[in-house]
Amino acid sequence: MHTVERLRRLLRSVKQRGIRVRFEWLDGDGGGICEIRGERWLFVDLAVAPQEQLQQSLATLANLLGEKQLFALLNPPVPSMEKPEQQSEQKK
């Protein structure tokens, strides 16, 4: 998967967890996370290449969430392809 697409997916998942995302020119000093008025914000540095943005975001989120939760964020469960009636029969 292309780096930009991986970054997009990561940021989409972050937003779904209620973390706001903001892109800012930070002169290559790196992004990070902070809390503003009770909301968590992930800052992504526009001064660096997408690969570095992805690495910085992953490192920040690993520190915030821990490795297990970050893995779960990056690998959401795959929905079942079975019909609902088949699922209920298997549970019996």
N, C-alpha and C. Protein backbone atom coordinates (compact mmCIF):
# COMPACT_ATOMS: atom_id res chain seq x y z
N MET A 1 0.85 -1.16 0.00
CA MET A 1 0.00 0.00 0.00
C MET A 1 0.90 1.24 0.00
N HIS A 2 0.54 2.23 -0.72
CA HIS A 2 1.29 3.47 -0.85
C HIS A 2 1.28 4.23 0.49
N THR A 3 2.36 4.92 0.78
CA THR A 3 2.52 5.64 2.05
C THR A 3 1.40 6.64 2.29
N VAL A 4 1.03 7.39 1.28
CA VAL A 4 -0.01 8.40 1.44
C VAL A 4 -1.34 7.74 1.81
N GLU A 5 -1.65 6.62 1.19
CA GLU A 5 -2.89 5.91 1.51
C GLU A 5 -2.84 5.36 2.93
N ARG A 6 -1.70 4.86 3.36
CA ARG A 6 -1.56 4.37 4.74
C ARG A 6 -1.77 5.51 5.73
N LEU A 7 -1.21 6.68 5.42
CA LEU A 7 -1.39 7.84 6.29
C LEU A 7 -2.85 8.25 6.33
N ARG A 8 -3.51 8.28 5.18
CA ARG A 8 -4.95 8.63 5.14
C ARG A 8 -5.77 7.67 5.99
N ARG A 9 -5.50 6.39 5.85
CA ARG A 9 -6.26 5.39 6.63
C ARG A 9 -6.01 5.57 8.13
N LEU A 10 -4.77 5.81 8.49
CA LEU A 10 -4.45 6.02 9.90
C LEU A 10 -5.20 7.23 10.44
N LEU A 11 -5.15 8.33 9.72
CA LEU A 11 -5.80 9.55 10.18
C LEU A 11 -7.32 9.41 10.21
N ARG A 12 -7.87 8.66 9.29
CA ARG A 12 -9.33 8.39 9.31
C ARG A 12 -9.69 7.60 10.56
N SER A 13 -8.88 6.61 10.90
CA SER A 13 -9.13 5.81 12.11
C SER A 13 -8.98 6.65 13.36
N VAL A 14 -8.00 7.54 13.37
CA VAL A 14 -7.78 8.43 14.51
C VAL A 14 -9.00 9.32 14.72
N LYS A 15 -9.51 9.87 13.64
CA LYS A 15 -10.69 10.74 13.73
C LYS A 15 -11.89 9.96 14.26
N GLN A 16 -12.03 8.70 13.86
CA GLN A 16 -13.14 7.88 14.34
C GLN A 16 -13.05 7.63 15.84
N ARG A 17 -11.85 7.73 16.40
CA ARG A 17 -11.66 7.57 17.85
C ARG A 17 -11.85 8.89 18.59
N GLY A 18 -12.23 9.94 17.87
CA GLY A 18 -12.51 11.21 18.52
C GLY A 18 -11.30 12.12 18.66
N ILE A 19 -10.20 11.78 18.02
CA ILE A 19 -9.02 12.63 18.05
C ILE A 19 -9.06 13.52 16.81
N ARG A 20 -8.97 14.81 17.02
CA ARG A 20 -8.99 15.76 15.91
C ARG A 20 -7.62 15.78 15.25
N VAL A 21 -7.58 16.06 13.95
CA VAL A 21 -6.32 16.08 13.19
C VAL A 21 -6.15 17.46 12.57
N ARG A 22 -4.93 17.97 12.69
CA ARG A 22 -4.64 19.28 12.09
C ARG A 22 -3.29 19.22 11.40
N PHE A 23 -3.24 19.72 10.18
CA PHE A 23 -2.00 19.80 9.42
C PHE A 23 -1.44 21.20 9.57
N GLU A 24 -0.20 21.29 10.03
CA GLU A 24 0.45 22.59 10.23
C GLU A 24 1.89 22.53 9.73
N TRP A 25 2.41 23.67 9.31
CA TRP A 25 3.81 23.78 8.93
C TRP A 25 4.60 23.95 10.22
N LEU A 26 5.34 22.93 10.63
CA LEU A 26 6.06 22.94 11.91
C LEU A 26 7.57 22.94 11.69
N ASP A 27 8.01 23.36 10.53
CA ASP A 27 9.43 23.50 10.20
C ASP A 27 10.23 22.21 10.37
N GLY A 28 9.59 21.08 10.22
CA GLY A 28 10.31 19.81 10.31
C GLY A 28 10.59 19.37 11.73
N ASP A 29 10.02 20.07 12.71
CA ASP A 29 10.24 19.71 14.12
C ASP A 29 9.38 18.53 14.56
N GLY A 30 8.49 18.11 13.70
CA GLY A 30 7.66 16.95 14.02
C GLY A 30 6.31 17.33 14.56
N GLY A 31 5.37 16.44 14.37
CA GLY A 31 4.03 16.63 14.89
C GLY A 31 3.95 16.09 16.31
N GLY A 32 2.75 15.93 16.76
CA GLY A 32 2.55 15.40 18.10
C GLY A 32 1.10 15.51 18.48
N ILE A 33 0.83 15.20 19.73
CA ILE A 33 -0.55 15.25 20.21
C ILE A 33 -0.62 16.16 21.41
N CYS A 34 -1.73 16.87 21.50
CA CYS A 34 -1.95 17.72 22.67
C CYS A 34 -3.45 17.79 22.94
N GLU A 35 -3.79 18.35 24.08
CA GLU A 35 -5.19 18.51 24.43
C GLU A 35 -5.50 20.00 24.49
N ILE A 36 -6.53 20.38 23.75
CA ILE A 36 -6.96 21.77 23.70
C ILE A 36 -8.44 21.82 24.07
N ARG A 37 -8.75 22.50 25.16
CA ARG A 37 -10.14 22.62 25.63
C ARG A 37 -10.83 21.27 25.73
N GLY A 38 -10.12 20.31 26.26
CA GLY A 38 -10.72 18.99 26.49
C GLY A 38 -10.74 18.07 25.28
N GLU A 39 -10.23 18.52 24.15
CA GLU A 39 -10.19 17.69 22.94
C GLU A 39 -8.75 17.35 22.61
N ARG A 40 -8.52 16.10 22.21
CA ARG A 40 -7.19 15.69 21.77
C ARG A 40 -7.00 16.05 20.30
N TRP A 41 -5.83 16.59 20.01
CA TRP A 41 -5.47 16.98 18.65
C TRP A 41 -4.17 16.32 18.25
N LEU A 42 -4.14 15.73 17.07
CA LEU A 42 -2.92 15.19 16.49
C LEU A 42 -2.46 16.20 15.45
N PHE A 43 -1.25 16.73 15.64
CA PHE A 43 -0.68 17.68 14.68
C PHE A 43 0.24 16.92 13.74
N VAL A 44 0.07 17.15 12.45
CA VAL A 44 0.88 16.52 11.41
C VAL A 44 1.70 17.63 10.75
N ASP A 45 3.01 17.43 10.69
CA ASP A 45 3.94 18.44 10.18
C ASP A 45 3.98 18.41 8.65
N LEU A 46 3.53 19.50 8.03
CA LEU A 46 3.53 19.60 6.58
C LEU A 46 4.93 19.83 5.99
N ALA A 47 5.90 20.14 6.83
CA ALA A 47 7.26 20.42 6.35
C ALA A 47 8.03 19.14 6.03
N VAL A 48 7.49 17.98 6.38
CA VAL A 48 8.19 16.72 6.11
C VAL A 48 7.41 15.88 5.11
N ALA A 49 8.09 14.92 4.53
CA ALA A 49 7.49 14.04 3.52
C ALA A 49 6.43 13.13 4.16
N PRO A 50 5.50 12.62 3.35
CA PRO A 50 4.45 11.74 3.87
C PRO A 50 4.98 10.55 4.68
N GLN A 51 6.09 9.97 4.26
CA GLN A 51 6.63 8.83 5.01
C GLN A 51 7.00 9.24 6.43
N GLU A 52 7.60 10.40 6.57
CA GLU A 52 7.97 10.91 7.89
C GLU A 52 6.72 11.29 8.69
N GLN A 53 5.71 11.84 8.02
CA GLN A 53 4.44 12.16 8.69
C GLN A 53 3.82 10.89 9.27
N LEU A 54 3.85 9.83 8.47
CA LEU A 54 3.30 8.56 8.92
C LEU A 54 4.09 8.02 10.12
N GLN A 55 5.42 8.03 10.04
CA GLN A 55 6.25 7.54 11.13
C GLN A 55 6.04 8.35 12.41
N GLN A 56 5.99 9.66 12.28
CA GLN A 56 5.77 10.52 13.45
C GLN A 56 4.40 10.26 14.07
N SER A 57 3.39 10.14 13.23
CA SER A 57 2.03 9.90 13.73
C SER A 57 1.94 8.55 14.43
N LEU A 58 2.55 7.53 13.83
CA LEU A 58 2.54 6.20 14.46
C LEU A 58 3.25 6.21 15.81
N ALA A 59 4.40 6.88 15.88
CA ALA A 59 5.15 6.95 17.14
C ALA A 59 4.35 7.69 18.21
N THR A 60 3.73 8.78 17.83
CA THR A 60 2.91 9.56 18.76
C THR A 60 1.75 8.74 19.28
N LEU A 61 1.06 8.06 18.38
CA LEU A 61 -0.11 7.26 18.77
C LEU A 61 0.29 6.04 19.58
N ALA A 62 1.44 5.46 19.30
CA ALA A 62 1.92 4.32 20.10
C ALA A 62 2.16 4.76 21.53
N ASN A 63 2.71 5.95 21.72
CA ASN A 63 2.93 6.47 23.07
C ASN A 63 1.61 6.77 23.78
N LEU A 64 0.64 7.28 23.04
CA LEU A 64 -0.64 7.65 23.62
C LEU A 64 -1.50 6.43 23.93
N LEU A 65 -1.63 5.54 22.95
CA LEU A 65 -2.57 4.43 23.06
C LEU A 65 -1.95 3.13 23.56
N GLY A 66 -0.67 2.96 23.34
CA GLY A 66 -0.04 1.67 23.61
C GLY A 66 -0.06 0.84 22.34
N GLU A 67 0.82 -0.12 22.28
CA GLU A 67 0.98 -0.91 21.05
C GLU A 67 -0.25 -1.74 20.71
N LYS A 68 -0.90 -2.34 21.71
CA LYS A 68 -2.07 -3.19 21.43
C LYS A 68 -3.21 -2.38 20.84
N GLN A 69 -3.49 -1.23 21.43
CA GLN A 69 -4.59 -0.41 20.92
C GLN A 69 -4.25 0.19 19.55
N LEU A 70 -2.97 0.51 19.35
CA LEU A 70 -2.57 1.01 18.03
C LEU A 70 -2.74 -0.07 16.98
N PHE A 71 -2.37 -1.31 17.32
CA PHE A 71 -2.54 -2.42 16.39
C PHE A 71 -4.03 -2.61 16.07
N ALA A 72 -4.89 -2.53 17.08
CA ALA A 72 -6.33 -2.66 16.86
C ALA A 72 -6.86 -1.52 15.99
N LEU A 73 -6.31 -0.33 16.19
CA LEU A 73 -6.71 0.82 15.38
C LEU A 73 -6.34 0.62 13.92
N LEU A 74 -5.16 0.05 13.68
CA LEU A 74 -4.67 -0.16 12.32
C LEU A 74 -5.27 -1.39 11.65
N ASN A 75 -5.80 -2.32 12.44
CA ASN A 75 -6.33 -3.58 11.91
C ASN A 75 -7.73 -3.82 12.46
N PRO A 76 -8.73 -3.07 11.99
CA PRO A 76 -10.08 -3.26 12.50
C PRO A 76 -10.60 -4.65 12.14
N PRO A 77 -11.52 -5.19 12.96
CA PRO A 77 -12.06 -6.51 12.65
C PRO A 77 -12.78 -6.53 11.30
N VAL A 78 -12.66 -7.63 10.62
CA VAL A 78 -13.31 -7.80 9.32
C VAL A 78 -14.73 -8.28 9.57
N PRO A 79 -15.73 -7.59 9.01
CA PRO A 79 -17.11 -8.03 9.21
C PRO A 79 -17.36 -9.39 8.57
N SER A 80 -18.25 -10.15 9.17
CA SER A 80 -18.59 -11.47 8.68
C SER A 80 -19.35 -11.36 7.37
N MET A 81 -19.11 -12.30 6.47
CA MET A 81 -19.80 -12.33 5.19
C MET A 81 -21.07 -13.16 5.25
N GLU A 82 -21.33 -13.77 6.39
CA GLU A 82 -22.51 -14.62 6.52
C GLU A 82 -23.75 -13.77 6.73
N LYS A 83 -24.90 -14.35 6.38
CA LYS A 83 -26.16 -13.68 6.62
C LYS A 83 -26.47 -13.75 8.12
N PRO A 84 -27.23 -12.78 8.64
CA PRO A 84 -27.53 -12.77 10.08
C PRO A 84 -28.16 -14.06 10.58
N GLU A 85 -29.03 -14.71 9.76
CA GLU A 85 -29.65 -15.95 10.23
C GLU A 85 -28.64 -17.08 10.38
N GLN A 86 -27.61 -17.10 9.52
CA GLN A 86 -26.56 -18.12 9.61
C GLN A 86 -25.74 -17.92 10.88
N GLN A 87 -25.47 -16.67 11.25
CA GLN A 87 -24.71 -16.38 12.45
C GLN A 87 -25.46 -16.84 13.69
N SER A 88 -26.79 -16.60 13.74
CA SER A 88 -27.57 -16.98 14.92
C SER A 88 -27.68 -18.50 15.04
N GLU A 89 -27.72 -19.22 13.92
CA GLU A 89 -27.76 -20.68 13.96
C GLU A 89 -26.46 -21.26 14.49
N GLN A 90 -25.33 -20.64 14.15
CA GLN A 90 -24.04 -21.13 14.61
C GLN A 90 -23.85 -20.91 16.10
N LYS A 91 -24.48 -19.89 16.67
CA LYS A 91 -24.34 -19.60 18.09
C LYS A 91 -25.10 -20.59 18.95
N LYS A 92 -26.10 -21.27 18.38
CA LYS A 92 -26.94 -22.22 19.15
C LYS A 92 -26.20 -23.47 19.51
